C-alpha atoms as a PDB file:
ATOM      1  CA  UNK A   1       0.852 -34.474  23.197  1.00  0.00           C
ATOM      2  CA  UNK A   2      -0.449 -38.013  23.108  1.00  0.00           C
ATOM      3  CA  UNK A   3      -3.415 -38.364  20.767  1.00  0.00           C
ATOM      4  CA  UNK A   4      -6.655 -39.848  22.105  1.00  0.00           C
ATOM      5  CA  UNK A   5      -9.234 -41.190  19.694  1.00  0.00           C
ATOM      6  CA  UNK A   6      -7.793 -40.937  16.183  1.00  0.00           C
ATOM      7  CA  UNK A   7      -3.991 -41.335  16.014  1.00  0.00           C
ATOM      8  CA  UNK A   8      -3.941 -40.893  12.220  1.00  0.00           C
ATOM      9  CA  UNK A   9      -4.969 -37.248  12.493  1.00  0.00           C
ATOM     10  CA  UNK A  10      -1.791 -36.143  14.249  1.00  0.00           C
ATOM     11  CA  UNK A  11       0.377 -36.245  11.089  1.00  0.00           C
ATOM     12  CA  UNK A  12      -2.298 -34.372   9.161  1.00  0.00           C
ATOM     13  CA  UNK A  13      -2.607 -31.780  11.949  1.00  0.00           C
ATOM     14  CA  UNK A  14       1.115 -31.032  11.710  1.00  0.00           C
ATOM     15  CA  UNK A  15       0.615 -29.622   8.188  1.00  0.00           C
ATOM     16  CA  UNK A  16      -0.866 -26.231   9.005  1.00  0.00           C
ATOM     17  CA  UNK A  17      -2.768 -24.170   6.453  1.00  0.00           C
ATOM     18  CA  UNK A  18      -2.715 -20.963   8.507  1.00  0.00           C
ATOM     19  CA  UNK A  19      -0.343 -19.311  10.937  1.00  0.00           C
ATOM     20  CA  UNK A  20      -0.993 -19.941  14.633  1.00  0.00           C
ATOM     21  CA  UNK A  21      -0.854 -17.298  17.328  1.00  0.00           C
ATOM     22  CA  UNK A  22      -0.130 -17.972  20.993  1.00  0.00           C
ATOM     23  CA  UNK A  23      -3.192 -16.717  22.860  1.00  0.00           C
ATOM     24  CA  UNK A  24      -3.850 -17.455  26.525  1.00  0.00           C
ATOM     25  CA  UNK A  25      -7.318 -16.223  27.447  1.00  0.00           C
ATOM     26  CA  UNK A  26     -10.290 -17.679  29.317  1.00  0.00           C
ATOM     27  CA  UNK A  27     -12.819 -19.494  27.134  1.00  0.00           C
ATOM     28  CA  UNK A  28     -16.320 -20.665  28.033  1.00  0.00           C
ATOM     29  CA  UNK A  29     -17.287 -23.741  25.986  1.00  0.00           C
ATOM     30  CA  UNK A  30     -20.725 -25.238  25.368  1.00  0.00           C
ATOM     31  CA  UNK A  31     -20.650 -28.645  23.701  1.00  0.00           C
ATOM     32  CA  UNK A  32     -23.156 -31.143  22.385  1.00  0.00           C
ATOM     33  CA  UNK A  33     -22.583 -34.891  22.190  1.00  0.00           C
ATOM     34  CA  UNK A  34     -25.722 -36.629  20.991  1.00  0.00           C
ATOM     35  CA  UNK A  35     -28.518 -35.476  23.304  1.00  0.00           C
ATOM     36  CA  UNK A  36     -26.128 -34.267  26.027  1.00  0.00           C
ATOM     37  CA  UNK A  37     -25.232 -30.582  26.359  1.00  0.00           C
ATOM     38  CA  UNK A  38     -22.373 -29.581  28.630  1.00  0.00           C
ATOM     39  CA  UNK A  39     -20.503 -26.460  29.681  1.00  0.00           C
ATOM     40  CA  UNK A  40     -16.934 -25.997  30.828  1.00  0.00           C
ATOM     41  CA  UNK A  41     -14.301 -23.348  31.274  1.00  0.00           C
ATOM     42  CA  UNK A  42     -11.023 -23.610  29.387  1.00  0.00           C
ATOM     43  CA  UNK A  43      -7.935 -21.600  28.501  1.00  0.00           C
ATOM     44  CA  UNK A  44      -6.907 -20.965  24.918  1.00  0.00           C
ATOM     45  CA  UNK A  45      -3.409 -22.145  24.039  1.00  0.00           C
ATOM     46  CA  UNK A  46      -3.204 -20.965  20.434  1.00  0.00           C
ATOM     47  CA  UNK A  47      -5.481 -19.981  17.567  1.00  0.00           C
ATOM     48  CA  UNK A  48      -5.493 -19.538  13.810  1.00  0.00           C
ATOM     49  CA  UNK A  49      -8.047 -18.334  11.269  1.00  0.00           C
ATOM     50  CA  UNK A  50      -9.733 -21.728  11.112  1.00  0.00           C
ATOM     51  CA  UNK A  51      -9.248 -23.252  14.557  1.00  0.00           C
ATOM     52  CA  UNK A  52      -7.927 -23.165  18.079  1.00  0.00           C
ATOM     53  CA  UNK A  53      -6.318 -25.320  20.732  1.00  0.00           C
ATOM     54  CA  UNK A  54      -7.773 -25.286  24.250  1.00  0.00           C
ATOM     55  CA  UNK A  55      -6.583 -26.597  27.595  1.00  0.00           C
ATOM     56  CA  UNK A  56      -9.498 -28.203  29.449  1.00  0.00           C
ATOM     57  CA  UNK A  57      -9.987 -30.230  32.609  1.00  0.00           C
ATOM     58  CA  UNK A  58     -12.148 -32.939  31.057  1.00  0.00           C
ATOM     59  CA  UNK A  59     -12.587 -34.594  27.671  1.00  0.00           C
ATOM     60  CA  UNK A  60     -14.969 -33.379  24.992  1.00  0.00           C
ATOM     61  CA  UNK A  61     -15.303 -36.263  22.513  1.00  0.00           C
ATOM     62  CA  UNK A  62     -13.994 -35.965  18.940  1.00  0.00           C
ATOM     63  CA  UNK A  63     -16.746 -34.863  16.479  1.00  0.00           C
ATOM     64  CA  UNK A  64     -18.662 -32.975  19.192  1.00  0.00           C
ATOM     65  CA  UNK A  65     -20.200 -29.658  18.164  1.00  0.00           C
ATOM     66  CA  UNK A  66     -19.022 -26.724  20.260  1.00  0.00           C
ATOM     67  CA  UNK A  67     -19.707 -23.045  20.653  1.00  0.00           C
ATOM     68  CA  UNK A  68     -17.363 -20.862  22.635  1.00  0.00           C
ATOM     69  CA  UNK A  69     -16.750 -17.354  23.897  1.00  0.00           C
ATOM     70  CA  UNK A  70     -13.181 -16.096  24.333  1.00  0.00           C
ATOM     71  CA  UNK A  71     -12.827 -13.229  26.799  1.00  0.00           C
ATOM     72  CA  UNK A  72      -9.958 -10.911  25.870  1.00  0.00           C
ATOM     73  CA  UNK A  73      -8.635  -8.986  28.861  1.00  0.00           C
ATOM     74  CA  UNK A  74      -5.476  -6.957  29.232  1.00  0.00           C
ATOM     75  CA  UNK A  75      -4.145  -3.763  30.740  1.00  0.00           C
ATOM     76  CA  UNK A  76      -4.094  -2.212  27.248  1.00  0.00           C
ATOM     77  CA  UNK A  77      -7.858  -2.739  26.742  1.00  0.00           C
ATOM     78  CA  UNK A  78     -10.289  -0.315  28.347  1.00  0.00           C
ATOM     79  CA  UNK A  79     -12.809  -3.162  28.726  1.00  0.00           C
ATOM     80  CA  UNK A  80     -13.059  -6.888  28.100  1.00  0.00           C
ATOM     81  CA  UNK A  81     -13.880  -8.012  24.576  1.00  0.00           C
ATOM     82  CA  UNK A  82     -15.822 -11.212  23.970  1.00  0.00           C
ATOM     83  CA  UNK A  83     -15.291 -13.176  20.745  1.00  0.00           C
ATOM     84  CA  UNK A  84     -17.748 -15.952  19.862  1.00  0.00           C
ATOM     85  CA  UNK A  85     -17.257 -18.925  17.580  1.00  0.00           C
ATOM     86  CA  UNK A  86     -18.536 -22.357  16.644  1.00  0.00           C
ATOM     87  CA  UNK A  87     -16.789 -25.501  15.555  1.00  0.00           C
ATOM     88  CA  UNK A  88     -16.177 -29.205  15.854  1.00  0.00           C
ATOM     89  CA  UNK A  89     -13.707 -31.070  18.056  1.00  0.00           C
ATOM     90  CA  UNK A  90     -11.173 -32.689  15.703  1.00  0.00           C
ATOM     91  CA  UNK A  91      -8.576 -33.942  18.183  1.00  0.00           C
ATOM     92  CA  UNK A  92      -8.238 -34.686  21.888  1.00  0.00           C
ATOM     93  CA  UNK A  93      -4.849 -35.161  23.496  1.00  0.00           C
ATOM     94  CA  UNK A  94      -3.254 -35.347  26.879  1.00  0.00           C
ATOM     95  CA  UNK A  95       0.056 -33.859  27.921  1.00  0.00           C
ATOM     96  CA  UNK A  96       1.877 -36.494  30.007  1.00  0.00           C
ATOM     97  CA  UNK A  97       3.296 -33.927  32.433  1.00  0.00           C
ATOM     98  CA  UNK A  98       0.051 -32.017  33.016  1.00  0.00           C
ATOM     99  CA  UNK A  99      -3.385 -32.721  34.418  1.00  0.00           C
ATOM    100  CA  UNK A 100      -6.094 -32.158  31.840  1.00  0.00           C
ATOM    101  CA  UNK A 101      -6.438 -32.324  28.087  1.00  0.00           C
ATOM    102  CA  UNK A 102      -5.871 -30.366  24.919  1.00  0.00           C
ATOM    103  CA  UNK A 103      -8.865 -30.039  22.611  1.00  0.00           C
ATOM    104  CA  UNK A 104      -8.364 -28.999  18.968  1.00  0.00           C
ATOM    105  CA  UNK A 105     -11.362 -27.243  17.426  1.00  0.00           C
ATOM    106  CA  UNK A 106     -11.928 -26.636  13.716  1.00  0.00           C
ATOM    107  CA  UNK A 107     -14.079 -23.516  13.358  1.00  0.00           C
ATOM    108  CA  UNK A 108     -17.219 -23.837  11.222  1.00  0.00           C
ATOM    109  CA  UNK A 109     -17.966 -20.110  11.130  1.00  0.00           C
ATOM    110  CA  UNK A 110     -15.828 -17.012  11.469  1.00  0.00           C
ATOM    111  CA  UNK A 111     -15.155 -15.601  14.916  1.00  0.00           C
ATOM    112  CA  UNK A 112     -17.257 -12.551  15.759  1.00  0.00           C
ATOM    113  CA  UNK A 113     -17.247  -9.963  18.523  1.00  0.00           C
ATOM    114  CA  UNK A 114     -20.185 -10.260  20.889  1.00  0.00           C
ATOM    115  CA  UNK A 115     -21.903  -6.894  21.037  1.00  0.00           C
ATOM    116  CA  UNK A 116     -22.931  -5.533  24.412  1.00  0.00           C
ATOM    117  CA  UNK A 117     -26.686  -5.622  24.966  1.00  0.00           C
ATOM    118  CA  UNK A 118     -26.622  -2.024  26.159  1.00  0.00           C
ATOM    119  CA  UNK A 119     -24.552   0.638  24.400  1.00  0.00           C
ATOM    120  CA  UNK A 120     -21.953   2.561  26.369  1.00  0.00           C
ATOM    121  CA  UNK A 121     -22.986   6.057  27.409  1.00  0.00           C
ATOM    122  CA  UNK A 122     -21.164   8.567  25.311  1.00  0.00           C
END
C-alpha cells in the first residue's frame, strides 16, 4: 500500500500491539472534517482490539473523526448483528492495482453491539 499524507507512520504501523483478524463485512462510515460531515459505505479488511482497516471508494483525510457501524452477516447467524465504534483516521493509502483507498482507523472507544429498538418476540 502506498501511504498518502504521512509517510513516517508506515514504519510505526508495522509494529502491531494487538493481533489482527481478517474480517470482510459491510461498514457504514460517518466522518467529520472541520465543519463537513460525510457518509460512505466501506468494506472492512481487518480489525484488532484498537483499530481497523477499511476499503473505501474515496479518501477520508487523516485526523478525521469517524463513527461506524459494521454489519455482521453470515449463514451461521440467525440475524444480522450491528457493531458500532468511533475513532480517528490515522492513515490513508492506495493499492496500486485496485481502485479506491485503504483507511486505517484507531478506535477511541470500545466496539459495542447496537441493540435493536424493539425486542424480539419470545
